[in-house]
Amino acid sequence: MRAHKSAVFALVAFTLAALPAGAQDAKPVEVTPYVALGSAAASPIGAAVTFPVTTTLSVETDVAYRRGEGAIHALSSNTSLLWSLPRAGQSTPYVAAGVVLAQYGAPVFSSGGPPIGTQPRVAMTVNAGGGVKMPVNEKLDLRTDARWFKSFGRQGSEQFRVAQGISFDVGKR
């Protein structure tokens, strides 16, 4: 667990160190609420905030919600790096990779063996994927994002999610 905390700390430190550089860039901060489809444990709703670092590199923070195992309402918090690829017509493709802290329900077993409930746990998860942004107007973009998530530990799992959202600018262009 100590290595996981160190990795999260390093990613957060990198993010905070990079933010002043983003203020010099002409790209605005974007907020993207989204809905998603995916494997059983993938989050169906969430919101992402993307901070530009350079013209091609951005840092994204994401908070998502899903109905978890048992009676757990699971949240996840995600930090990713997004690298914009060269434009293809009006659209801008990108690749993404990051680290997630995700809540899940670990089964609690009775002395006889069958599960009797769930207990909330948090797992370190990595993600990789990409997507495309297509402009709607000067302030809005249609965004489609596909991600693979892999969590580690005894209760580790793997999910896939395709999300659709509308990105809107916060600030000046």
C-alpha atoms as a PDB file:
ATOM      1  CA  MET A   1       0.000   0.000   0.000  1.00  0.00           C
ATOM      2  CA  ARG A   2       2.948   2.298   0.698  1.00  0.00           C
ATOM      3  CA  ALA A   3       4.056   2.066  -2.962  1.00  0.00           C
ATOM      4  CA  HIS A   4       0.513   2.990  -4.069  1.00  0.00           C
ATOM      5  CA  LYS A   5       0.519   6.098  -1.850  1.00  0.00           C
ATOM      6  CA  SER A   6       3.924   7.104  -3.243  1.00  0.00           C
ATOM      7  CA  ALA A   7       2.674   6.718  -6.830  1.00  0.00           C
ATOM      8  CA  VAL A   8      -0.441   8.810  -6.115  1.00  0.00           C
ATOM      9  CA  PHE A   9       1.647  11.462  -4.344  1.00  0.00           C
ATOM     10  CA  ALA A  10       4.069  11.636  -7.293  1.00  0.00           C
ATOM     11  CA  LEU A  11       1.206  11.993  -9.790  1.00  0.00           C
ATOM     12  CA  VAL A  12      -0.483  14.722  -7.719  1.00  0.00           C
ATOM     13  CA  ALA A  13       2.848  16.561  -7.285  1.00  0.00           C
ATOM     14  CA  PHE A  14       3.420  16.419 -11.058  1.00  0.00           C
ATOM     15  CA  THR A  15      -0.086  17.719 -11.673  1.00  0.00           C
ATOM     16  CA  LEU A  16       0.300  20.644  -9.284  1.00  0.00           C
ATOM     17  CA  ALA A  17       3.745  21.514 -10.638  1.00  0.00           C
ATOM     18  CA  ALA A  18       2.405  21.542 -14.195  1.00  0.00           C
ATOM     19  CA  LEU A  19      -0.632  23.744 -13.527  1.00  0.00           C
ATOM     20  CA  PRO A  20       1.182  27.129 -13.658  1.00  0.00           C
ATOM     21  CA  ALA A  21       2.450  26.218 -17.140  1.00  0.00           C
ATOM     22  CA  GLY A  22      -1.145  25.689 -18.253  1.00  0.00           C
ATOM     23  CA  ALA A  23      -2.043  29.257 -17.328  1.00  0.00           C
ATOM     24  CA  GLN A  24       0.349  30.520 -20.031  1.00  0.00           C
ATOM     25  CA  ASP A  25      -1.357  28.409 -22.688  1.00  0.00           C
ATOM     26  CA  ALA A  26      -4.294  29.690 -24.739  1.00  0.00           C
ATOM     27  CA  LYS A  27      -6.343  26.520 -24.118  1.00  0.00           C
ATOM     28  CA  PRO A  28      -9.029  26.856 -21.432  1.00  0.00           C
ATOM     29  CA  VAL A  29      -9.882  24.476 -18.608  1.00  0.00           C
ATOM     30  CA  GLU A  30     -12.679  22.133 -19.711  1.00  0.00           C
ATOM     31  CA  VAL A  31     -15.415  20.425 -17.706  1.00  0.00           C
ATOM     32  CA  THR A  32     -16.993  17.262 -19.151  1.00  0.00           C
ATOM     33  CA  PRO A  33     -20.002  15.603 -17.511  1.00  0.00           C
ATOM     34  CA  TYR A  34     -20.511  12.163 -19.079  1.00  0.00           C
ATOM     35  CA  VAL A  35     -22.564   8.988 -19.209  1.00  0.00           C
ATOM     36  CA  ALA A  36     -20.970   5.648 -20.041  1.00  0.00           C
ATOM     37  CA  LEU A  37     -21.586   2.050 -21.011  1.00  0.00           C
ATOM     38  CA  GLY A  38     -19.205  -0.744 -20.149  1.00  0.00           C
ATOM     39  CA  SER A  39     -18.495  -3.885 -18.229  1.00  0.00           C
ATOM     40  CA  ALA A  40     -20.427  -4.677 -15.045  1.00  0.00           C
ATOM     41  CA  ALA A  41     -18.199  -2.747 -12.599  1.00  0.00           C
ATOM     42  CA  ALA A  42     -17.601   0.308 -14.821  1.00  0.00           C
ATOM     43  CA  SER A  43     -18.895   3.697 -13.670  1.00  0.00           C
ATOM     44  CA  PRO A  44     -21.910   4.851 -15.724  1.00  0.00           C
ATOM     45  CA  ILE A  45     -21.812   8.568 -14.749  1.00  0.00           C
ATOM     46  CA  GLY A  46     -19.145  11.077 -13.847  1.00  0.00           C
ATOM     47  CA  ALA A  47     -17.468  14.381 -14.563  1.00  0.00           C
ATOM     48  CA  ALA A  48     -13.952  15.208 -15.730  1.00  0.00           C
ATOM     49  CA  VAL A  49     -12.014  18.470 -15.450  1.00  0.00           C
ATOM     50  CA  THR A  50      -9.151  18.894 -17.922  1.00  0.00           C
ATOM     51  CA  PHE A  51      -6.298  21.312 -17.213  1.00  0.00           C
ATOM     52  CA  PRO A  52      -4.042  22.200 -20.176  1.00  0.00           C
ATOM     53  CA  VAL A  53      -0.295  21.928 -19.528  1.00  0.00           C
ATOM     54  CA  THR A  54       0.946  22.478 -23.101  1.00  0.00           C
ATOM     55  CA  THR A  55      -0.843  22.608 -26.454  1.00  0.00           C
ATOM     56  CA  THR A  56      -0.761  18.782 -26.660  1.00  0.00           C
ATOM     57  CA  LEU A  57      -0.571  17.636 -23.001  1.00  0.00           C
ATOM     58  CA  SER A  58      -3.345  17.981 -20.404  1.00  0.00           C
ATOM     59  CA  VAL A  59      -3.978  16.696 -16.900  1.00  0.00           C
ATOM     60  CA  GLU A  60      -7.479  15.379 -16.242  1.00  0.00           C
ATOM     61  CA  THR A  61      -9.167  14.713 -12.923  1.00  0.00           C
ATOM     62  CA  ASP A  62     -12.312  12.628 -12.955  1.00  0.00           C
ATOM     63  CA  VAL A  63     -14.877  11.674 -10.337  1.00  0.00           C
ATOM     64  CA  ALA A  64     -17.319   8.877 -11.176  1.00  0.00           C
ATOM     65  CA  TYR A  65     -20.155   7.015  -9.453  1.00  0.00           C
ATOM     66  CA  ARG A  66     -21.531   3.509  -9.825  1.00  0.00           C
ATOM     67  CA  ARG A  67     -23.837   1.262  -7.893  1.00  0.00           C
ATOM     68  CA  GLY A  68     -21.360  -1.111  -6.290  1.00  0.00           C
ATOM     69  CA  GLU A  69     -21.453  -4.635  -4.989  1.00  0.00           C
ATOM     70  CA  GLY A  70     -24.044  -5.208  -2.266  1.00  0.00           C
ATOM     71  CA  ALA A  71     -25.405  -1.922  -0.899  1.00  0.00           C
ATOM     72  CA  ILE A  72     -22.258   0.093  -1.673  1.00  0.00           C
ATOM     73  CA  HIS A  73     -22.567   3.263  -3.721  1.00  0.00           C
ATOM     74  CA  ALA A  74     -19.034   3.332  -5.130  1.00  0.00           C
ATOM     75  CA  LEU A  75     -17.037   6.426  -6.055  1.00  0.00           C
ATOM     76  CA  SER A  76     -13.794   6.618  -7.980  1.00  0.00           C
ATOM     77  CA  SER A  77     -11.307   9.438  -8.338  1.00  0.00           C
ATOM     78  CA  ASN A  78      -9.027   9.413 -11.352  1.00  0.00           C
ATOM     79  CA  THR A  79      -6.024  11.459 -12.497  1.00  0.00           C
ATOM     80  CA  SER A  80      -4.875  10.975 -16.087  1.00  0.00           C
ATOM     81  CA  LEU A  81      -2.563  12.509 -18.629  1.00  0.00           C
ATOM     82  CA  LEU A  82      -4.151  13.239 -22.016  1.00  0.00           C
ATOM     83  CA  TRP A  83      -1.945  13.646 -25.068  1.00  0.00           C
ATOM     84  CA  SER A  84      -3.642  15.236 -28.082  1.00  0.00           C
ATOM     85  CA  LEU A  85      -2.734  13.770 -31.453  1.00  0.00           C
ATOM     86  CA  PRO A  86      -2.722  15.767 -34.730  1.00  0.00           C
ATOM     87  CA  ARG A  87      -6.184  16.899 -35.828  1.00  0.00           C
ATOM     88  CA  ALA A  88      -8.102  14.735 -38.271  1.00  0.00           C
ATOM     89  CA  GLY A  89     -10.445  17.135 -40.038  1.00  0.00           C
ATOM     90  CA  GLN A  90     -12.505  18.869 -37.344  1.00  0.00           C
ATOM     91  CA  SER A  91     -11.849  16.207 -34.673  1.00  0.00           C
ATOM     92  CA  THR A  92      -8.921  15.920 -32.262  1.00  0.00           C
ATOM     93  CA  PRO A  93      -8.000  12.366 -31.211  1.00  0.00           C
ATOM     94  CA  TYR A  94      -6.125  11.779 -27.944  1.00  0.00           C
ATOM     95  CA  VAL A  95      -4.570   9.006 -25.878  1.00  0.00           C
ATOM     96  CA  ALA A  96      -4.923   8.791 -22.106  1.00  0.00           C
ATOM     97  CA  ALA A  97      -3.317   6.976 -19.176  1.00  0.00           C
ATOM     98  CA  GLY A  98      -3.671   7.432 -15.459  1.00  0.00           C
ATOM     99  CA  VAL A  99      -4.126   6.241 -11.901  1.00  0.00           C
ATOM    100  CA  VAL A 100      -7.451   5.710 -10.116  1.00  0.00           C
ATOM    101  CA  LEU A 101      -8.531   5.182  -6.517  1.00  0.00           C
ATOM    102  CA  ALA A 102     -11.748   3.189  -6.800  1.00  0.00           C
ATOM    103  CA  GLN A 103     -14.151   1.957  -4.148  1.00  0.00           C
ATOM    104  CA  TYR A 104     -15.519  -1.584  -4.373  1.00  0.00           C
ATOM    105  CA  GLY A 105     -17.367  -4.086  -2.217  1.00  0.00           C
ATOM    106  CA  ALA A 106     -15.356  -6.988  -0.795  1.00  0.00           C
ATOM    107  CA  PRO A 107     -17.465 -10.023   0.159  1.00  0.00           C
ATOM    108  CA  VAL A 108     -17.881 -10.840   3.858  1.00  0.00           C
ATOM    109  CA  PHE A 109     -18.260 -14.576   4.462  1.00  0.00           C
ATOM    110  CA  SER A 110     -20.119 -16.351   7.268  1.00  0.00           C
ATOM    111  CA  SER A 111     -18.413 -19.126   9.224  1.00  0.00           C
ATOM    112  CA  GLY A 112     -20.373 -21.606   7.079  1.00  0.00           C
ATOM    113  CA  GLY A 113     -18.946 -20.237   3.841  1.00  0.00           C
ATOM    114  CA  PRO A 114     -21.582 -18.290   1.869  1.00  0.00           C
ATOM    115  CA  PRO A 115     -21.199 -14.508   1.570  1.00  0.00           C
ATOM    116  CA  ILE A 116     -23.400 -12.558   3.993  1.00  0.00           C
ATOM    117  CA  GLY A 117     -22.652  -9.039   2.802  1.00  0.00           C
ATOM    118  CA  THR A 118     -20.025  -6.664   1.505  1.00  0.00           C
ATOM    119  CA  GLN A 119     -17.499  -4.355   3.098  1.00  0.00           C
ATOM    120  CA  PRO A 120     -16.275  -1.173   1.379  1.00  0.00           C
ATOM    121  CA  ARG A 121     -12.640  -1.231   0.215  1.00  0.00           C
ATOM    122  CA  VAL A 122     -10.464   1.027  -1.924  1.00  0.00           C
ATOM    123  CA  ALA A 123      -8.182  -0.259  -4.688  1.00  0.00           C
ATOM    124  CA  MET A 124      -5.405   1.312  -6.741  1.00  0.00           C
ATOM    125  CA  THR A 125      -6.315   1.075 -10.422  1.00  0.00           C
ATOM    126  CA  VAL A 126      -4.576   2.083 -13.648  1.00  0.00           C
ATOM    127  CA  ASN A 127      -6.316   3.155 -16.830  1.00  0.00           C
ATOM    128  CA  ALA A 128      -5.383   3.481 -20.485  1.00  0.00           C
ATOM    129  CA  GLY A 129      -7.329   4.426 -23.565  1.00  0.00           C
ATOM    130  CA  GLY A 130      -8.188   7.353 -25.724  1.00  0.00           C
ATOM    131  CA  GLY A 131     -10.892   9.180 -27.509  1.00  0.00           C
ATOM    132  CA  VAL A 132     -11.875  11.966 -29.826  1.00  0.00           C
ATOM    133  CA  LYS A 133     -13.196  15.509 -29.366  1.00  0.00           C
ATOM    134  CA  MET A 134     -15.331  17.157 -32.028  1.00  0.00           C
ATOM    135  CA  PRO A 135     -16.241  20.851 -31.801  1.00  0.00           C
ATOM    136  CA  VAL A 136     -19.914  21.796 -31.628  1.00  0.00           C
ATOM    137  CA  ASN A 137     -19.217  25.541 -31.376  1.00  0.00           C
ATOM    138  CA  GLU A 138     -16.527  27.798 -29.884  1.00  0.00           C
ATOM    139  CA  LYS A 139     -17.241  26.763 -26.296  1.00  0.00           C
ATOM    140  CA  LEU A 140     -18.622  23.201 -26.622  1.00  0.00           C
ATOM    141  CA  ASP A 141     -17.065  19.934 -27.771  1.00  0.00           C
ATOM    142  CA  LEU A 142     -18.632  16.491 -28.141  1.00  0.00           C
ATOM    143  CA  ARG A 143     -16.280  13.980 -26.506  1.00  0.00           C
ATOM    144  CA  THR A 144     -16.179  10.192 -26.845  1.00  0.00           C
ATOM    145  CA  ASP A 145     -13.752   8.324 -24.593  1.00  0.00           C
ATOM    146  CA  ALA A 146     -12.884   4.602 -24.305  1.00  0.00           C
ATOM    147  CA  ARG A 147     -10.878   3.368 -21.297  1.00  0.00           C
ATOM    148  CA  TRP A 148      -9.588   0.100 -19.896  1.00  0.00           C
ATOM    149  CA  PHE A 149      -9.238  -0.094 -16.076  1.00  0.00           C
ATOM    150  CA  LYS A 150      -7.203  -2.692 -14.152  1.00  0.00           C
ATOM    151  CA  SER A 151      -7.162  -2.824 -10.348  1.00  0.00           C
ATOM    152  CA  PHE A 152      -4.628  -4.726  -8.273  1.00  0.00           C
ATOM    153  CA  GLY A 153      -4.718  -6.770  -5.077  1.00  0.00           C
ATOM    154  CA  ARG A 154      -6.635  -9.812  -3.907  1.00  0.00           C
ATOM    155  CA  GLN A 155      -9.933  -8.405  -5.150  1.00  0.00           C
ATOM    156  CA  GLY A 156      -8.426  -7.006  -8.387  1.00  0.00           C
ATOM    157  CA  SER A 157     -10.669  -6.652 -11.404  1.00  0.00           C
ATOM    158  CA  GLU A 158     -10.710  -5.397 -14.959  1.00  0.00           C
ATOM    159  CA  GLN A 159     -13.282  -3.102 -16.581  1.00  0.00           C
ATOM    160  CA  PHE A 160     -13.879  -1.389 -19.895  1.00  0.00           C
ATOM    161  CA  ARG A 161     -15.912   1.786 -20.407  1.00  0.00           C
ATOM    162  CA  VAL A 162     -17.021   3.922 -23.345  1.00  0.00           C
ATOM    163  CA  ALA A 163     -18.171   7.387 -22.254  1.00  0.00           C
ATOM    164  CA  GLN A 164     -19.980  10.163 -24.121  1.00  0.00           C
ATOM    165  CA  GLY A 165     -19.983  13.727 -22.844  1.00  0.00           C
ATOM    166  CA  ILE A 166     -20.182  17.399 -23.694  1.00  0.00           C
ATOM    167  CA  SER A 167     -17.064  19.419 -22.805  1.00  0.00           C
ATOM    168  CA  PHE A 168     -17.518  23.092 -22.043  1.00  0.00           C
ATOM    169  CA  ASP A 169     -14.853  25.723 -21.506  1.00  0.00           C
ATOM    170  CA  VAL A 170     -14.373  27.397 -18.158  1.00  0.00           C
ATOM    171  CA  GLY A 171     -12.410  30.600 -18.683  1.00  0.00           C
ATOM    172  CA  LYS A 172     -11.109  32.395 -21.735  1.00  0.00           C
ATOM    173  CA  ARG A 173      -9.904  30.953 -25.021  1.00  0.00           C
END
